[in-house]
Structure formats: C-alpha cells, structure tokens
Amino acid sequence: MPLYITEYQSLARANNGPFVSAGQEPNVAEQQVAISGSSTQSAAFNAKTGFVMIHTDAICALAFGDNPTAANNRHRMAAGEVRFYGVSPGQKVAVITAT
C-alpha cells in the first residue's frame, strides 16, 4: 500500500479572509511511497514546499529530515489517517509498516 504525500506552498484563505486548515490548490507536487517492512524514503520535497498532507491506508510510522530512517515504533499513523506537517524544501519523509 502506498503513503500519499501532497506538497503545498501555502495555506488556503476563506474568501480572501482568514486562513483555513487546508492547502492552497493547485498543490506543488504529489508523491506516493510504498509502505513495506523496510524504511523507504520519498523524493526530496519541491523547492516551493512549506508543508505536506500525508494520507495512509495502512498502519505505518514516519520520519522526516534530510536523510530520514523510519522506525516502526515511532511517529505512528493509523490506517485511514490524514495529517499535515510543516517541512522544509529538500527534506524527505520515510515510511515503514507498524502495528
């Protein structure tokens, strides 16, 4: 099963008013990373990326950084969960299966 990564540059605004908890479309980039028993890294985030939306269909664990390694007992996400994370351009996310 893949981990879905949607990269955004900025937050959306409601009718040119306050910011809302959603990325401004169109997004900067999209990636999919296979979730397996070994830590797998995404491609580096786009130079314009300021935050990402992560969605997983499987229980997994994440790590972020320049050269991250995910461990199955840290930063767990439940199956079907969606989360937003602030990141820096050029960073990556790594994913591994978890229980």
PDB file of N, CA and C in Angstrom:
ATOM      1  N   MET A   1       0.838  -1.190   0.000  1.00  0.00           N
ATOM      2  CA  MET A   1       0.000   0.000   0.000  1.00  0.00           C
ATOM      3  C   MET A   1       0.879   1.248   0.000  1.00  0.00           C
ATOM      4  N   PRO A   2       0.433   2.281  -0.658  1.00  0.00           N
ATOM      5  CA  PRO A   2       1.247   3.500  -0.706  1.00  0.00           C
ATOM      6  C   PRO A   2       0.934   4.492   0.409  1.00  0.00           C
ATOM      7  N   LEU A   3       1.908   5.313   0.694  1.00  0.00           N
ATOM      8  CA  LEU A   3       1.741   6.515   1.505  1.00  0.00           C
ATOM      9  C   LEU A   3       1.562   7.637   0.501  1.00  0.00           C
ATOM     10  N   TYR A   4       0.513   8.433   0.663  1.00  0.00           N
ATOM     11  CA  TYR A   4       0.229   9.525  -0.262  1.00  0.00           C
ATOM     12  C   TYR A   4       0.744  10.828   0.328  1.00  0.00           C
ATOM     13  N   ILE A   5       1.516  11.569  -0.436  1.00  0.00           N
ATOM     14  CA  ILE A   5       2.130  12.821   0.005  1.00  0.00           C
ATOM     15  C   ILE A   5       1.696  13.916  -0.959  1.00  0.00           C
ATOM     16  N   THR A   6       1.049  14.948  -0.432  1.00  0.00           N
ATOM     17  CA  THR A   6       0.679  16.103  -1.239  1.00  0.00           C
ATOM     18  C   THR A   6       1.436  17.301  -0.689  1.00  0.00           C
ATOM     19  N   GLU A   7       2.200  17.963  -1.545  1.00  0.00           N
ATOM     20  CA  GLU A   7       3.039  19.087  -1.130  1.00  0.00           C
ATOM     21  C   GLU A   7       2.345  20.415  -1.431  1.00  0.00           C
ATOM     22  N   TYR A   8       2.403  21.322  -0.449  1.00  0.00           N
ATOM     23  CA  TYR A   8       1.780  22.636  -0.592  1.00  0.00           C
ATOM     24  C   TYR A   8       2.776  23.750  -0.275  1.00  0.00           C
ATOM     25  N   GLN A   9       2.575  24.879  -0.922  1.00  0.00           N
ATOM     26  CA  GLN A   9       3.388  26.062  -0.661  1.00  0.00           C
ATOM     27  C   GLN A   9       2.784  26.897   0.459  1.00  0.00           C
ATOM     28  N   SER A  10       1.437  27.013   0.477  1.00  0.00           N
ATOM     29  CA  SER A  10       0.807  27.894   1.455  1.00  0.00           C
ATOM     30  C   SER A  10      -0.577  27.384   1.838  1.00  0.00           C
ATOM     31  N   LEU A  11      -1.107  27.957   2.918  1.00  0.00           N
ATOM     32  CA  LEU A  11      -2.462  27.659   3.359  1.00  0.00           C
ATOM     33  C   LEU A  11      -3.479  28.399   2.499  1.00  0.00           C
ATOM     34  N   ALA A  12      -4.671  27.847   2.431  1.00  0.00           N
ATOM     35  CA  ALA A  12      -5.772  28.492   1.709  1.00  0.00           C
ATOM     36  C   ALA A  12      -6.414  29.548   2.595  1.00  0.00           C
ATOM     37  N   ARG A  13      -7.086  30.490   1.951  1.00  0.00           N
ATOM     38  CA  ARG A  13      -7.837  31.531   2.666  1.00  0.00           C
ATOM     39  C   ARG A  13      -9.314  31.377   2.328  1.00  0.00           C
ATOM     40  N   ALA A  14     -10.160  31.634   3.304  1.00  0.00           N
ATOM     41  CA  ALA A  14     -11.609  31.584   3.099  1.00  0.00           C
ATOM     42  C   ALA A  14     -12.073  32.924   2.549  1.00  0.00           C
ATOM     43  N   ASN A  15     -12.461  32.948   1.284  1.00  0.00           N
ATOM     44  CA  ASN A  15     -12.959  34.178   0.648  1.00  0.00           C
ATOM     45  C   ASN A  15     -12.054  35.374   0.925  1.00  0.00           C
ATOM     46  N   ASN A  16     -10.766  35.193   0.739  1.00  0.00           N
ATOM     47  CA  ASN A  16      -9.750  36.236   0.972  1.00  0.00           C
ATOM     48  C   ASN A  16      -9.718  36.719   2.419  1.00  0.00           C
ATOM     49  N   GLY A  17     -10.289  35.930   3.334  1.00  0.00           N
ATOM     50  CA  GLY A  17     -10.297  36.272   4.758  1.00  0.00           C
ATOM     51  C   GLY A  17      -9.262  35.460   5.508  1.00  0.00           C
ATOM     52  N   PRO A  18      -9.674  34.842   6.606  1.00  0.00           N
ATOM     53  CA  PRO A  18      -8.723  34.105   7.440  1.00  0.00           C
ATOM     54  C   PRO A  18      -8.222  32.833   6.753  1.00  0.00           C
ATOM     55  N   PHE A  19      -7.041  32.403   7.186  1.00  0.00           N
ATOM     56  CA  PHE A  19      -6.504  31.142   6.696  1.00  0.00           C
ATOM     57  C   PHE A  19      -7.340  29.990   7.231  1.00  0.00           C
ATOM     58  N   VAL A  20      -7.422  28.927   6.452  1.00  0.00           N
ATOM     59  CA  VAL A  20      -8.122  27.712   6.867  1.00  0.00           C
ATOM     60  C   VAL A  20      -7.133  26.559   6.880  1.00  0.00           C
ATOM     61  N   SER A  21      -7.494  25.482   7.557  1.00  0.00           N
ATOM     62  CA  SER A  21      -6.600  24.322   7.686  1.00  0.00           C
ATOM     63  C   SER A  21      -6.648  23.451   6.436  1.00  0.00           C
ATOM     64  N   ALA A  22      -6.237  24.035   5.326  1.00  0.00           N
ATOM     65  CA  ALA A  22      -6.205  23.321   4.052  1.00  0.00           C
ATOM     66  C   ALA A  22      -5.137  23.946   3.174  1.00  0.00           C
ATOM     67  N   GLY A  23      -4.546  23.141   2.343  1.00  0.00           N
ATOM     68  CA  GLY A  23      -3.544  23.643   1.416  1.00  0.00           C
ATOM     69  C   GLY A  23      -4.168  24.415   0.276  1.00  0.00           C
ATOM     70  N   GLN A  24      -3.456  25.423  -0.198  1.00  0.00           N
ATOM     71  CA  GLN A  24      -3.907  26.198  -1.356  1.00  0.00           C
ATOM     72  C   GLN A  24      -3.663  25.382  -2.613  1.00  0.00           C
ATOM     73  N   GLU A  25      -4.711  25.105  -3.336  1.00  0.00           N
ATOM     74  CA  GLU A  25      -4.606  24.389  -4.610  1.00  0.00           C
ATOM     75  C   GLU A  25      -4.372  25.384  -5.729  1.00  0.00           C
ATOM     76  N   PRO A  26      -3.694  25.013  -6.793  1.00  0.00           N
ATOM     77  CA  PRO A  26      -3.155  23.687  -7.006  1.00  0.00           C
ATOM     78  C   PRO A  26      -1.948  23.431  -6.110  1.00  0.00           C
ATOM     79  N   ASN A  27      -1.766  22.166  -5.769  1.00  0.00           N
ATOM     80  CA  ASN A  27      -0.624  21.793  -4.940  1.00  0.00           C
ATOM     81  C   ASN A  27       0.671  21.919  -5.726  1.00  0.00           C
ATOM     82  N   VAL A  28       1.778  21.846  -5.014  1.00  0.00           N
ATOM     83  CA  VAL A  28       3.097  21.972  -5.641  1.00  0.00           C
ATOM     84  C   VAL A  28       3.522  20.658  -6.299  1.00  0.00           C
ATOM     85  N   ALA A  29       3.241  19.539  -5.609  1.00  0.00           N
ATOM     86  CA  ALA A  29       3.638  18.225  -6.126  1.00  0.00           C
ATOM     87  C   ALA A  29       2.881  17.145  -5.372  1.00  0.00           C
ATOM     88  N   GLU A  30       2.853  15.954  -5.940  1.00  0.00           N
ATOM     89  CA  GLU A  30       2.278  14.780  -5.289  1.00  0.00           C
ATOM     90  C   GLU A  30       3.225  13.614  -5.470  1.00  0.00           C
ATOM     91  N   GLN A  31       3.300  12.778  -4.426  1.00  0.00           N
ATOM     92  CA  GLN A  31       4.142  11.593  -4.464  1.00  0.00           C
ATOM     93  C   GLN A  31       3.396  10.424  -3.834  1.00  0.00           C
ATOM     94  N   GLN A  32       3.840   9.236  -4.170  1.00  0.00           N
ATOM     95  CA  GLN A  32       3.402   8.018  -3.490  1.00  0.00           C
ATOM     96  C   GLN A  32       4.660   7.226  -3.144  1.00  0.00           C
ATOM     97  N   VAL A  33       4.703   6.697  -1.927  1.00  0.00           N
ATOM     98  CA  VAL A  33       5.826   5.881  -1.476  1.00  0.00           C
ATOM     99  C   VAL A  33       5.257   4.559  -0.976  1.00  0.00           C
ATOM    100  N   ALA A  34       5.838   3.453  -1.406  1.00  0.00           N
ATOM    101  CA  ALA A  34       5.373   2.138  -0.971  1.00  0.00           C
ATOM    102  C   ALA A  34       5.663   1.941   0.507  1.00  0.00           C
ATOM    103  N   ILE A  35       4.663   1.434   1.224  1.00  0.00           N
ATOM    104  CA  ILE A  35       4.831   1.112   2.639  1.00  0.00           C
ATOM    105  C   ILE A  35       5.192  -0.359   2.736  1.00  0.00           C
ATOM    106  N   SER A  36       6.355  -0.648   3.335  1.00  0.00           N
ATOM    107  CA  SER A  36       6.812  -2.036   3.453  1.00  0.00           C
ATOM    108  C   SER A  36       7.507  -2.224   4.803  1.00  0.00           C
ATOM    109  N   GLY A  37       8.101  -3.373   4.997  1.00  0.00           N
ATOM    110  CA  GLY A  37       8.802  -3.691   6.235  1.00  0.00           C
ATOM    111  C   GLY A  37      10.158  -3.043   6.344  1.00  0.00           C
ATOM    112  N   SER A  38      10.593  -2.334   5.308  1.00  0.00           N
ATOM    113  CA  SER A  38      11.856  -1.599   5.328  1.00  0.00           C
ATOM    114  C   SER A  38      11.562  -0.114   5.185  1.00  0.00           C
ATOM    115  N   SER A  39      12.366   0.711   5.845  1.00  0.00           N
ATOM    116  CA  SER A  39      12.200   2.157   5.727  1.00  0.00           C
ATOM    117  C   SER A  39      12.437   2.587   4.285  1.00  0.00           C
ATOM    118  N   THR A  40      11.479   3.322   3.720  1.00  0.00           N
ATOM    119  CA  THR A  40      11.572   3.798   2.343  1.00  0.00           C
ATOM    120  C   THR A  40      11.384   5.308   2.326  1.00  0.00           C
ATOM    121  N   GLN A  41      12.276   6.023   1.649  1.00  0.00           N
ATOM    122  CA  GLN A  41      12.218   7.478   1.582  1.00  0.00           C
ATOM    123  C   GLN A  41      11.456   7.959   0.360  1.00  0.00           C
ATOM    124  N   SER A  42      10.834   9.126   0.518  1.00  0.00           N
ATOM    125  CA  SER A  42      10.226   9.819  -0.607  1.00  0.00           C
ATOM    126  C   SER A  42      11.322  10.508  -1.406  1.00  0.00           C
ATOM    127  N   ALA A  43      10.927  11.111  -2.507  1.00  0.00           N
ATOM    128  CA  ALA A  43      11.830  12.025  -3.208  1.00  0.00           C
ATOM    129  C   ALA A  43      11.916  13.306  -2.379  1.00  0.00           C
ATOM    130  N   ALA A  44      12.925  14.107  -2.618  1.00  0.00           N
ATOM    131  CA  ALA A  44      13.072  15.378  -1.908  1.00  0.00           C
ATOM    132  C   ALA A  44      11.879  16.278  -2.221  1.00  0.00           C
ATOM    133  N   PHE A  45      11.416  17.016  -1.209  1.00  0.00           N
ATOM    134  CA  PHE A  45      10.297  17.928  -1.409  1.00  0.00           C
ATOM    135  C   PHE A  45      10.702  19.069  -2.331  1.00  0.00           C
ATOM    136  N   ASN A  46       9.741  19.567  -3.073  1.00  0.00           N
ATOM    137  CA  ASN A  46       9.920  20.651  -4.032  1.00  0.00           C
ATOM    138  C   ASN A  46      10.476  21.907  -3.353  1.00  0.00           C
ATOM    139  N   ALA A  47      11.171  22.724  -4.108  1.00  0.00           N
ATOM    140  CA  ALA A  47      11.768  23.964  -3.587  1.00  0.00           C
ATOM    141  C   ALA A  47      10.718  24.941  -3.059  1.00  0.00           C
ATOM    142  N   LYS A  48       9.458  24.790  -3.466  1.00  0.00           N
ATOM    143  CA  LYS A  48       8.384  25.682  -3.007  1.00  0.00           C
ATOM    144  C   LYS A  48       7.564  25.089  -1.852  1.00  0.00           C
ATOM    145  N   THR A  49       7.838  23.869  -1.466  1.00  0.00           N
ATOM    146  CA  THR A  49       7.022  23.184  -0.465  1.00  0.00           C
ATOM    147  C   THR A  49       7.289  23.714   0.933  1.00  0.00           C
ATOM    148  N   GLY A  50       6.193  24.070   1.640  1.00  0.00           N
ATOM    149  CA  GLY A  50       6.271  24.536   3.021  1.00  0.00           C
ATOM    150  C   GLY A  50       5.582  23.591   3.991  1.00  0.00           C
ATOM    151  N   PHE A  51       4.639  22.801   3.483  1.00  0.00           N
ATOM    152  CA  PHE A  51       4.015  21.770   4.315  1.00  0.00           C
ATOM    153  C   PHE A  51       3.442  20.685   3.426  1.00  0.00           C
ATOM    154  N   VAL A  52       3.195  19.532   4.047  1.00  0.00           N
ATOM    155  CA  VAL A  52       2.691  18.382   3.308  1.00  0.00           C
ATOM    156  C   VAL A  52       1.445  17.833   3.984  1.00  0.00           C
ATOM    157  N   MET A  53       0.594  17.223   3.174  1.00  0.00           N
ATOM    158  CA  MET A  53      -0.533  16.449   3.679  1.00  0.00           C
ATOM    159  C   MET A  53      -0.176  14.988   3.441  1.00  0.00           C
ATOM    160  N   ILE A  54      -0.219  14.198   4.509  1.00  0.00           N
ATOM    161  CA  ILE A  54       0.119  12.773   4.431  1.00  0.00           C
ATOM    162  C   ILE A  54      -1.152  11.971   4.663  1.00  0.00           C
ATOM    163  N   HIS A  55      -1.408  10.998   3.794  1.00  0.00           N
ATOM    164  CA  HIS A  55      -2.533  10.077   3.955  1.00  0.00           C
ATOM    165  C   HIS A  55      -2.010   8.660   3.818  1.00  0.00           C
ATOM    166  N   THR A  56      -2.473   7.779   4.718  1.00  0.00           N
ATOM    167  CA  THR A  56      -2.079   6.384   4.642  1.00  0.00           C
ATOM    168  C   THR A  56      -3.296   5.471   4.715  1.00  0.00           C
ATOM    169  N   ASP A  57      -3.274   4.408   3.945  1.00  0.00           N
ATOM    170  CA  ASP A  57      -4.319   3.390   4.009  1.00  0.00           C
ATOM    171  C   ASP A  57      -3.924   2.269   4.959  1.00  0.00           C
ATOM    172  N   ALA A  58      -2.662   2.260   5.422  1.00  0.00           N
ATOM    173  CA  ALA A  58      -2.149   1.197   6.292  1.00  0.00           C
ATOM    174  C   ALA A  58      -1.526   1.802   7.545  1.00  0.00           C
ATOM    175  N   ILE A  59      -1.459   1.026   8.617  1.00  0.00           N
ATOM    176  CA  ILE A  59      -0.757   1.463   9.820  1.00  0.00           C
ATOM    177  C   ILE A  59       0.718   1.574   9.474  1.00  0.00           C
ATOM    178  N   CYS A  60       1.314   2.718   9.799  1.00  0.00           N
ATOM    179  CA  CYS A  60       2.712   2.933   9.444  1.00  0.00           C
ATOM    180  C   CYS A  60       3.372   3.881  10.440  1.00  0.00           C
ATOM    181  N   ALA A  61       4.666   4.083  10.286  1.00  0.00           N
ATOM    182  CA  ALA A  61       5.423   5.030  11.095  1.00  0.00           C
ATOM    183  C   ALA A  61       6.252   5.890  10.157  1.00  0.00           C
ATOM    184  N   LEU A  62       6.476   7.162  10.552  1.00  0.00           N
ATOM    185  CA  LEU A  62       7.151   8.134   9.695  1.00  0.00           C
ATOM    186  C   LEU A  62       8.394   8.707  10.355  1.00  0.00           C
ATOM    187  N   ALA A  63       9.263   9.261   9.540  1.00  0.00           N
ATOM    188  CA  ALA A  63      10.387  10.084   9.991  1.00  0.00           C
ATOM    189  C   ALA A  63      10.615  11.145   8.922  1.00  0.00           C
ATOM    190  N   PHE A  64      10.969  12.360   9.342  1.00  0.00           N
ATOM    191  CA  PHE A  64      11.231  13.466   8.427  1.00  0.00           C
ATOM    192  C   PHE A  64      12.665  13.935   8.578  1.00  0.00           C
ATOM    193  N   GLY A  65      13.246  14.472   7.501  1.00  0.00           N
ATOM    194  CA  GLY A  65      14.589  15.036   7.571  1.00  0.00           C
ATOM    195  C   GLY A  65      15.274  14.995   6.233  1.00  0.00           C
ATOM    196  N   ASP A  66      16.584  15.290   6.256  1.00  0.00           N
ATOM    197  CA  ASP A  66      17.365  15.281   5.021  1.00  0.00           C
ATOM    198  C   ASP A  66      17.651  13.867   4.526  1.00  0.00           C
ATOM    199  N   ASN A  67      17.824  12.930   5.467  1.00  0.00           N
ATOM    200  CA  ASN A  67      18.081  11.530   5.136  1.00  0.00           C
ATOM    201  C   ASN A  67      17.414  10.659   6.206  1.00  0.00           C
ATOM    202  N   PRO A  68      16.063  10.695   6.290  1.00  0.00           N
ATOM    203  CA  PRO A  68      15.372  10.045   7.392  1.00  0.00           C
ATOM    204  C   PRO A  68      15.302   8.527   7.274  1.00  0.00           C
ATOM    205  N   THR A  69      15.248   7.873   8.434  1.00  0.00           N
ATOM    206  CA  THR A  69      15.001   6.438   8.516  1.00  0.00           C
ATOM    207  C   THR A  69      13.843   6.231   9.477  1.00  0.00           C
ATOM    208  N   ALA A  70      12.769   5.664   8.989  1.00  0.00           N
ATOM    209  CA  ALA A  70      11.590   5.412   9.812  1.00  0.00           C
ATOM    210  C   ALA A  70      11.812   4.168  10.666  1.00  0.00           C
ATOM    211  N   ALA A  71      11.325   4.206  11.907  1.00  0.00           N
ATOM    212  CA  ALA A  71      11.356   3.063  12.822  1.00  0.00           C
ATOM    213  C   ALA A  71       9.921   2.699  13.156  1.00  0.00           C
ATOM    214  N   ASN A  72       9.606   1.410  13.171  1.00  0.00           N
ATOM    215  CA  ASN A  72       8.203   1.005  13.318  1.00  0.00           C
ATOM    216  C   ASN A  72       7.624   1.233  14.711  1.00  0.00           C
ATOM    217  N   ASN A  73       8.401   1.769  15.631  1.00  0.00           N
ATOM    218  CA  ASN A  73       7.884   2.052  16.969  1.00  0.00           C
ATOM    219  C   ASN A  73       7.857   3.552  17.280  1.00  0.00           C
ATOM    220  N   ARG A  74       7.957   4.402  16.247  1.00  0.00           N
ATOM    221  CA  ARG A  74       7.951   5.848  16.455  1.00  0.00           C
ATOM    222  C   ARG A  74       7.073   6.543  15.416  1.00  0.00           C
ATOM    223  N   HIS A  75       6.461   7.643  15.813  1.00  0.00           N
ATOM    224  CA  HIS A  75       5.678   8.513  14.933  1.00  0.00           C
ATOM    225  C   HIS A  75       4.650   7.719  14.132  1.00  0.00           C
ATOM    226  N   ARG A  76       3.803   6.988  14.832  1.00  0.00           N
ATOM    227  CA  ARG A  76       2.822   6.087  14.228  1.00  0.00           C
ATOM    228  C   ARG A  76       1.630   6.846  13.654  1.00  0.00           C
ATOM    229  N   MET A  77       1.138   6.347  12.528  1.00  0.00           N
ATOM    230  CA  MET A  77      -0.112   6.817  11.926  1.00  0.00           C
ATOM    231  C   MET A  77      -1.048   5.627  11.789  1.00  0.00           C
ATOM    232  N   ALA A  78      -2.317   5.850  12.076  1.00  0.00           N
ATOM    233  CA  ALA A  78      -3.330   4.804  11.931  1.00  0.00           C
ATOM    234  C   ALA A  78      -3.775   4.687  10.474  1.00  0.00           C
ATOM    235  N   ALA A  79      -4.275   3.529  10.113  1.00  0.00           N
ATOM    236  CA  ALA A  79      -4.819   3.337   8.766  1.00  0.00           C
ATOM    237  C   ALA A  79      -5.962   4.318   8.534  1.00  0.00           C
ATOM    238  N   GLY A  80      -5.983   4.951   7.378  1.00  0.00           N
ATOM    239  CA  GLY A  80      -7.025   5.890   7.020  1.00  0.00           C
ATOM    240  C   GLY A  80      -6.814   7.296   7.570  1.00  0.00           C
ATOM    241  N   GLU A  81      -5.709   7.530   8.233  1.00  0.00           N
ATOM    242  CA  GLU A  81      -5.452   8.837   8.844  1.00  0.00           C
ATOM    243  C   GLU A  81      -4.855   9.831   7.847  1.00  0.00           C
ATOM    244  N   VAL A  82      -5.181  11.110   8.053  1.00  0.00           N
ATOM    245  CA  VAL A  82      -4.617  12.211   7.272  1.00  0.00           C
ATOM    246  C   VAL A  82      -4.040  13.216   8.255  1.00  0.00           C
ATOM    247  N   ARG A  83      -2.799  13.658   8.008  1.00  0.00           N
ATOM    248  CA  ARG A  83      -2.157  14.661   8.859  1.00  0.00           C
ATOM    249  C   ARG A  83      -1.424  15.674   7.990  1.00  0.00           C
ATOM    250  N   PHE A  84      -1.273  16.890   8.533  1.00  0.00           N
ATOM    251  CA  PHE A  84      -0.495  17.944   7.901  1.00  0.00           C
ATOM    252  C   PHE A  84       0.777  18.157   8.702  1.00  0.00           C
ATOM    253  N   TYR A  85       1.897  18.374   8.004  1.00  0.00           N
ATOM    254  CA  TYR A  85       3.184  18.613   8.648  1.00  0.00           C
ATOM    255  C   TYR A  85       3.886  19.780   7.973  1.00  0.00           C
ATOM    256  N   GLY A  86       4.463  20.668   8.764  1.00  0.00           N
ATOM    257  CA  GLY A  86       5.336  21.697   8.230  1.00  0.00           C
ATOM    258  C   GLY A  86       6.691  21.087   7.918  1.00  0.00           C
ATOM    259  N   VAL A  87       7.225  21.366   6.748  1.00  0.00           N
ATOM    260  CA  VAL A  87       8.509  20.799   6.317  1.00  0.00           C
ATOM    261  C   VAL A  87       9.335  21.880   5.640  1.00  0.00           C
ATOM    262  N   SER A  88      10.569  21.549   5.357  1.00  0.00           N
ATOM    263  CA  SER A  88      11.458  22.447   4.611  1.00  0.00           C
ATOM    264  C   SER A  88      11.694  21.890   3.221  1.00  0.00           C
ATOM    265  N   PRO A  89      11.853  22.758   2.227  1.00  0.00           N
ATOM    266  CA  PRO A  89      12.170  22.283   0.879  1.00  0.00           C
ATOM    267  C   PRO A  89      13.414  21.391   0.907  1.00  0.00           C
ATOM    268  N   GLY A  90      13.396  20.344   0.110  1.00  0.00           N
ATOM    269  CA  GLY A  90      14.537  19.440   0.017  1.00  0.00           C
ATOM    270  C   GLY A  90      14.521  18.308   1.030  1.00  0.00           C
ATOM    271  N   GLN A  91      13.725  18.433   2.085  1.00  0.00           N
ATOM    272  CA  GLN A  91      13.619  17.331   3.036  1.00  0.00           C
ATOM    273  C   GLN A  91      12.868  16.176   2.404  1.00  0.00           C
ATOM    274  N   LYS A  92      12.822  15.058   3.134  1.00  0.00           N
ATOM    275  CA  LYS A  92      12.113  13.856   2.687  1.00  0.00           C
ATOM    276  C   LYS A  92      11.317  13.310   3.864  1.00  0.00           C
ATOM    277  N   VAL A  93      10.398  12.395   3.560  1.00  0.00           N
ATOM    278  CA  VAL A  93       9.729  11.612   4.592  1.00  0.00           C
ATOM    279  C   VAL A  93      10.040  10.145   4.318  1.00  0.00           C
ATOM    280  N   ALA A  94      10.275   9.394   5.388  1.00  0.00           N
ATOM    281  CA  ALA A  94      10.493   7.955   5.267  1.00  0.00           C
ATOM    282  C   ALA A  94       9.328   7.251   5.952  1.00  0.00           C
ATOM    283  N   VAL A  95       8.976   6.061   5.471  1.00  0.00           N
ATOM    284  CA  VAL A  95       7.836   5.327   5.990  1.00  0.00           C
ATOM    285  C   VAL A  95       8.189   3.856   6.140  1.00  0.00           C
ATOM    286  N   ILE A  96       7.574   3.208   7.136  1.00  0.00           N
ATOM    287  CA  ILE A  96       7.745   1.770   7.364  1.00  0.00           C
ATOM    288  C   ILE A  96       6.434   1.250   7.955  1.00  0.00           C
ATOM    289  N   THR A  97       6.121  -0.018   7.764  1.00  0.00           N
ATOM    290  CA  THR A  97       4.925  -0.598   8.365  1.00  0.00           C
ATOM    291  C   THR A  97       5.059  -0.600   9.880  1.00  0.00           C
ATOM    292  N   ALA A  98       3.928  -0.524  10.575  1.00  0.00           N
ATOM    293  CA  ALA A  98       3.896  -0.553  12.030  1.00  0.00           C
ATOM    294  C   ALA A  98       2.676  -1.353  12.463  1.00  0.00           C
ATOM    295  N   THR A  99       2.584  -1.611  13.756  1.00  0.00           N
ATOM    296  CA  THR A  99       1.434  -2.351  14.278  1.00  0.00           C
ATOM    297  C   THR A  99       0.691  -1.496  15.288  1.00  0.00           C
TER     298      THR A  99
END
